[in-house]
Protein backbone atom coordinates (compact mmCIF):
# COMPACT_ATOMS: atom_id res chain seq x y z
CA MET A 1 26.47 -23.48 11.92
CA ILE A 2 23.57 -21.00 11.80
CA GLN A 3 20.44 -21.79 13.79
CA ILE A 4 17.14 -20.33 12.55
CA THR A 5 14.13 -20.35 14.86
CA LEU A 6 10.80 -20.29 13.01
CA PRO A 7 7.52 -18.80 14.35
CA ASP A 8 6.23 -22.21 15.46
CA GLY A 9 9.32 -22.64 17.62
CA SER A 10 10.97 -25.21 15.39
CA LEU A 11 14.71 -24.98 14.81
CA ARG A 12 16.55 -25.32 11.51
CA GLU A 13 20.33 -25.45 11.07
CA TYR A 14 22.31 -24.26 8.06
CA ASP A 15 26.02 -24.63 7.46
CA GLN A 16 26.52 -21.22 5.83
CA PRO A 17 24.91 -17.76 5.60
CA LEU A 18 21.71 -17.68 3.57
CA SER A 19 19.09 -15.20 2.42
CA VAL A 20 15.54 -14.86 3.71
CA HIS A 21 14.33 -16.22 0.39
CA GLU A 22 16.55 -19.28 0.79
CA VAL A 23 15.05 -19.90 4.23
CA ALA A 24 11.59 -19.75 2.66
CA ALA A 25 12.66 -22.13 -0.12
CA SER A 26 14.02 -24.60 2.42
CA ILE A 27 10.57 -24.68 4.04
CA GLY A 28 8.71 -25.13 0.76
CA PRO A 29 8.44 -23.82 -2.82
CA GLY A 30 4.97 -22.41 -2.20
CA LEU A 31 6.23 -20.22 0.63
CA ALA A 32 9.23 -19.13 -1.44
CA ASN A 33 6.94 -18.00 -4.27
CA ALA A 34 4.64 -16.16 -1.86
CA ALA A 35 7.40 -14.40 0.11
CA VAL A 36 7.56 -10.62 -0.24
CA ALA A 37 9.86 -9.94 2.74
CA GLY A 38 11.03 -11.40 6.02
CA ARG A 39 11.36 -10.58 9.69
CA VAL A 40 14.75 -11.23 11.22
CA ASP A 41 14.67 -10.83 15.01
CA GLY A 42 11.56 -8.67 14.56
CA VAL A 43 13.02 -6.36 11.89
CA LEU A 44 11.39 -6.26 8.44
CA VAL A 45 13.96 -6.97 5.73
CA ASP A 46 14.06 -7.71 2.01
CA CYS A 47 13.96 -11.29 0.73
CA GLU A 48 17.59 -11.08 -0.39
CA TYR A 49 18.81 -10.02 3.07
CA MET A 50 21.61 -12.34 4.19
CA ILE A 51 21.35 -14.04 7.61
CA ARG A 52 24.83 -14.57 9.02
CA ALA A 53 24.11 -15.46 12.66
CA ASN A 54 21.55 -17.25 14.80
CA ALA A 55 18.18 -15.50 14.46
CA ARG A 56 14.43 -15.78 14.77
CA VAL A 57 12.99 -15.61 11.25
CA SER A 58 9.50 -15.41 9.81
CA ILE A 59 8.48 -15.12 6.18
CA VAL A 60 6.17 -12.25 5.22
CA THR A 61 3.57 -12.81 2.49
CA ALA A 62 1.10 -10.41 0.87
CA ARG A 63 -1.71 -12.03 2.86
CA GLU A 64 -0.76 -10.13 6.02
CA PRO A 65 -0.98 -6.36 6.60
CA ASP A 66 2.79 -5.73 6.54
CA GLY A 67 3.12 -7.73 3.33
CA LEU A 68 0.26 -5.89 1.68
CA GLU A 69 1.83 -2.54 2.56
CA ILE A 70 5.12 -3.74 1.03
CA LEU A 71 3.22 -4.78 -2.10
CA ARG A 72 1.72 -1.30 -2.43
CA ARG A 73 4.99 0.45 -1.72
CA SER A 74 6.63 -1.55 -4.50
CA CYS A 75 3.76 -0.89 -6.89
CA SER A 76 4.54 2.79 -6.41
CA LEU A 77 8.06 2.13 -7.76
CA MET A 78 6.63 0.23 -10.71
CA LEU A 79 4.37 3.20 -11.42
CA ALA A 80 7.41 5.50 -11.33
CA MET A 81 9.22 3.26 -13.82
CA ALA A 82 6.21 3.20 -16.18
CA VAL A 83 5.76 6.97 -16.10
CA ARG A 84 9.45 7.63 -16.75
CA GLN A 85 9.39 5.28 -19.74
CA LEU A 86 6.32 6.93 -21.25
CA HIS A 87 6.93 10.56 -20.24
CA ALA A 88 10.63 11.39 -20.14
CA HIS A 89 9.93 14.92 -18.86
CA ALA A 90 8.32 13.59 -15.64
CA GLN A 91 10.77 13.59 -12.72
CA TRP A 92 10.01 11.25 -9.84
CA GLN A 93 9.89 13.00 -6.45
CA THR A 94 8.49 10.50 -3.97
CA GLY A 95 6.04 7.67 -3.57
CA SER A 96 4.74 5.30 -0.94
CA ALA A 97 1.92 3.09 0.26
CA LEU A 98 -1.16 5.05 1.30
CA GLY A 99 -4.11 3.37 2.98
CA ASP A 100 -5.52 0.76 0.60
CA GLY A 101 -3.16 1.81 -2.15
CA PHE A 102 -0.20 3.93 -3.11
CA TYR A 103 0.78 7.17 -4.76
CA CYS A 104 3.64 8.57 -6.79
CA GLU A 105 4.54 12.25 -7.05
CA PHE A 106 6.22 13.78 -10.10
CA SER A 107 7.32 17.20 -11.24
CA VAL A 108 6.34 17.62 -14.88
CA GLU A 109 6.91 20.13 -17.66
CA ARG A 110 3.39 19.58 -18.96
CA PRO A 111 0.56 18.09 -16.92
CA LEU A 112 -0.42 14.48 -17.36
CA MET A 113 -4.15 13.90 -17.78
CA ALA A 114 -6.63 11.32 -16.54
CA THR A 115 -6.73 10.05 -20.12
CA ASP A 116 -3.04 9.08 -19.73
CA LEU A 117 -3.79 6.63 -16.91
CA PRO A 118 -4.90 3.65 -19.06
CA GLN A 119 -1.66 3.78 -21.04
CA ILE A 120 0.40 4.04 -17.85
CA ALA A 121 -1.51 1.11 -16.32
CA ALA A 122 -0.91 -0.96 -19.46
CA ARG A 123 2.82 -0.26 -19.24
CA MET A 124 2.77 -1.29 -15.57
CA GLN A 125 1.10 -4.57 -16.50
CA SER A 126 3.86 -5.15 -19.03
CA LEU A 127 6.52 -4.43 -16.41
CA ALA A 128 4.86 -6.85 -13.98
CA ALA A 129 4.74 -9.57 -16.63
CA THR A 130 8.38 -8.96 -17.58
CA ASN A 131 9.25 -9.64 -13.93
CA HIS A 132 11.87 -7.01 -13.13
CA SER A 133 13.88 -7.38 -9.94
CA ILE A 134 13.79 -4.74 -7.19
CA ARG A 135 17.12 -4.74 -5.37
CA ARG A 136 18.40 -2.90 -2.34
CA LEU A 137 21.90 -1.57 -2.90
CA THR A 138 23.16 -2.35 0.60
CA ASP A 139 22.80 -5.40 2.83
CA VAL A 140 22.26 -3.47 6.08
CA PRO A 141 18.68 -2.94 7.37
CA SER A 142 17.81 0.77 7.44
CA CYS A 143 15.66 0.60 10.62
CA GLY A 144 12.84 2.54 9.00
CA GLY A 145 14.85 5.10 7.07
CA PRO A 146 15.08 5.40 3.28
CA SER A 147 17.50 3.25 1.30
CA LEU A 148 18.62 3.16 -2.30
CA TYR A 149 16.79 0.62 -4.47
CA ARG A 150 17.26 -0.24 -8.13
CA LEU A 151 14.38 -1.07 -10.46
CA GLY A 152 15.27 -1.36 -14.12
CA ASN A 153 17.83 1.31 -15.05
CA ASN A 154 16.82 3.72 -12.30
CA GLU A 155 17.58 4.10 -8.61
CA TYR A 156 15.11 5.33 -6.02
CA LEU A 157 15.71 6.58 -2.48
CA THR A 158 12.76 4.97 -0.73
CA THR A 159 11.74 3.24 2.46
CA GLY A 160 11.84 -0.55 2.24
CA PRO A 161 11.47 -3.43 2.27
CA HIS A 162 10.25 -4.00 -1.28
CA VAL A 163 9.06 -7.12 -3.06
CA PRO A 164 11.88 -9.05 -4.77
CA THR A 165 10.34 -8.94 -8.26
CA THR A 166 7.46 -7.21 -10.03
CA LYS A 167 5.67 -10.48 -10.85
CA VAL A 168 3.61 -10.22 -7.64
CA LEU A 169 2.31 -6.75 -8.62
CA GLN A 170 -0.47 -7.94 -10.92
CA ALA A 171 -3.66 -6.91 -9.10
CA PHE A 172 -3.59 -3.12 -9.20
CA ALA A 173 -5.58 -0.21 -10.61
CA LEU A 174 -4.87 3.50 -11.13
CA ASP A 175 -7.77 5.71 -10.15
CA HIS A 176 -6.82 9.36 -9.91
CA ILE A 177 -4.34 12.06 -10.90
CA SER A 178 -4.14 15.49 -9.28
CA GLY A 179 -2.09 18.67 -9.53
CA THR A 180 -0.56 20.50 -12.46
CA LEU A 181 3.24 20.90 -12.54
CA GLN A 182 3.57 18.91 -9.32
CA GLN A 183 1.36 15.88 -9.80
CA ARG A 184 0.32 12.82 -7.86
CA ILE A 185 -0.98 9.61 -9.36
CA TYR A 186 -2.99 7.41 -6.99
CA GLY A 187 -3.76 3.71 -7.25
CA THR A 188 -4.59 0.60 -5.28
CA CYS A 189 -2.88 -2.80 -5.14
CA TRP A 190 -3.95 -6.14 -3.68
CA SER A 191 -2.59 -9.66 -3.43
CA SER A 192 -5.15 -11.06 -5.89
CA HIS A 193 -7.59 -9.90 -8.56
CA GLN A 194 -10.42 -11.22 -6.38
CA GLU A 195 -9.43 -8.84 -3.59
CA LEU A 196 -9.12 -5.99 -6.09
CA GLN A 197 -12.63 -6.66 -7.42
CA GLN A 198 -13.97 -6.77 -3.87
CA TRP A 199 -12.38 -3.38 -3.16
CA GLN A 200 -13.95 -1.93 -6.32
CA ARG A 201 -17.48 -2.70 -5.11
CA PRO A 202 -19.52 0.46 -4.36
CA PRO A 203 -18.90 1.43 -0.71
CA GLN A 204 -21.52 2.12 1.91
CA VAL A 205 -19.26 4.64 3.65
CA MET A 206 -16.44 6.90 2.51
CA VAL A 207 -14.00 8.17 5.15
CA VAL A 208 -12.62 11.58 4.17
CA CYS A 209 -9.65 13.21 5.90
CA MET A 210 -9.15 16.98 6.04
CA ASP A 211 -5.45 16.73 5.14
CA ASP A 212 -2.43 14.41 5.25
CA ARG A 213 -2.12 14.67 9.04
CA GLN A 214 -5.20 12.50 9.53
CA ALA A 215 -4.41 9.90 6.84
CA GLY A 216 -3.30 7.23 9.31
CA TYR A 217 -6.30 7.79 11.56
CA ALA A 218 -8.70 7.75 8.59
CA HIS A 219 -7.27 4.42 7.44
CA SER A 220 -7.58 2.92 10.92
CA VAL A 221 -11.22 4.09 11.06
CA THR A 222 -11.82 2.39 7.71
CA GLU A 223 -10.31 -0.88 8.95
CA HIS A 224 -12.42 -0.70 12.11
CA LEU A 225 -15.58 -0.20 10.07
CA ARG A 226 -14.74 -3.17 7.83
CA ARG A 227 -14.27 -5.42 10.85
CA GLY A 228 -17.73 -4.25 11.94
CA GLY A 229 -19.31 -5.35 8.67
CA VAL A 230 -19.43 -1.95 6.95
CA ARG A 231 -18.26 -1.68 3.34
CA ALA A 232 -15.95 1.31 3.77
CA LEU A 233 -13.28 3.08 1.76
CA ALA A 234 -11.06 6.05 2.61
CA ASP A 235 -10.16 9.00 0.40
CA LEU A 236 -6.65 9.95 1.54
CA ARG A 237 -5.76 12.08 -1.48
CA ASN A 238 -3.94 15.33 -0.83
CA GLU A 239 -6.82 17.47 -2.09
CA LYS A 240 -9.24 19.99 -0.59
CA VAL A 241 -11.80 18.28 1.60
CA ARG A 242 -14.69 20.18 -0.01
CA HIS A 243 -13.76 18.72 -3.37
CA LYS A 244 -13.64 15.21 -1.96
CA ILE A 245 -16.98 15.59 -0.18
CA ARG A 246 -18.65 17.00 -3.28
CA HIS A 247 -17.26 14.17 -5.40
CA HIS A 248 -18.33 11.32 -3.11
CA SER A 249 -21.71 12.77 -2.07
CA GLN A 250 -22.95 11.94 -5.56
CA THR A 251 -22.53 8.19 -5.12
CA VAL A 252 -21.78 7.15 -1.51
CA PRO A 253 -24.63 6.93 1.05
CA TYR A 254 -22.60 8.15 4.05
CA LEU A 255 -19.51 10.31 4.48
CA LEU A 256 -17.35 10.26 7.62
CA VAL A 257 -15.17 13.35 7.88
CA VAL A 258 -12.10 13.35 10.13
CA GLY A 259 -9.97 16.33 11.08
CA GLU A 260 -7.62 17.05 13.95
CA GLN A 261 -10.44 17.28 16.52
CA GLU A 262 -11.93 13.96 15.41
CA LYS A 263 -8.50 12.35 15.45
CA ALA A 264 -7.77 13.63 18.97
CA GLY A 265 -11.17 12.56 20.29
CA GLY A 266 -11.38 9.19 18.57
CA PHE A 267 -14.61 9.92 16.71
CA VAL A 268 -15.89 10.94 13.26
CA SER A 269 -18.32 13.52 11.86
CA VAL A 270 -21.14 11.76 10.02
CA ARG A 271 -23.26 13.08 7.17
CA SER A 272 -25.49 11.48 4.58
CA ARG A 273 -25.39 11.81 0.81
CA SER A 274 -28.48 14.02 1.00
CA GLY A 275 -26.65 16.46 3.29
CA GLU A 276 -28.16 15.41 6.61
CA ASP A 277 -25.68 16.02 9.45
CA PHE A 278 -25.64 13.35 12.16
CA GLY A 279 -22.92 15.07 14.20
CA ARG A 280 -19.93 13.44 15.81
CA MET A 281 -20.04 9.76 16.67
CA LYS A 282 -17.65 7.22 18.13
CA ILE A 283 -16.44 4.68 15.60
CA GLU A 284 -18.06 1.78 17.47
CA ALA A 285 -21.40 3.60 17.38
CA VAL A 286 -21.10 3.98 13.60
CA CYS A 287 -20.37 0.26 13.30
CA ASN A 288 -23.43 -0.61 15.39
CA TRP A 289 -25.58 1.78 13.36
CA LEU A 290 -24.47 0.79 9.86
CA GLY A 291 -22.82 -2.61 10.33
CA GLN A 292 -24.28 -5.53 8.45
CA PRO A 293 -22.90 -8.86 7.13
CA GLU A 294 -21.18 -8.80 3.75
CA VAL A 295 -23.35 -10.21 0.97
């Protein structure tokens, strides 16, 4: 007999090993359909992970931060599959969730262009509708390290968990491609089209990081600003900061630049679209200055 303790403290008993998805289904079909992963004794695992002993189990959906990150990580794999189907010369290198979205990196014989993105996005929509499975090729949790996953006819060494099927990867958009022979495609993914449309609203603030080392801090600043009522986005692309500032200064009222000093000190450097420099400010001060209720 296997005893499963749920987050509310209730206890369920099962007479044989079962997967995380089967636990969700035993609670209700709605939860089973919404599940993107599970936590077994605090460890994030795939939905098909088999529970063979007494454990504390919770079901992860795309409505929570961990689930949303899993959604984006899996959308990166779907992007890789679409690109490989359309451009056989493109060799997948890596991909992951990144802030509000995801990226995929390829080595290519000839550069892909921004004009290729609509076709790639259309192929991704087709893959989502076809509902391909994403399966881990071992039943042992990797404790944060990469594992081998299969999507379609290809295998990817990537950090999991991943969503069980592509059907949940409907609300996404591709927005940028950079590089030449080593290229990155960037996109965003949300749990619903409503959330995607909300994200696509013009921001009041753009948080710009100097390089990849500040990506995590820049994303946390963005989340802090949102909680304070500021419509904020972060540009975490691996591009020169001058290019990012020049690009966003045409449309976004305020830019918050973060480098290693800002990260270490817990503040941001603030400038306006017109070029006015407000100096360094604590994040809470920026929230108090710019925060306003969403309309």
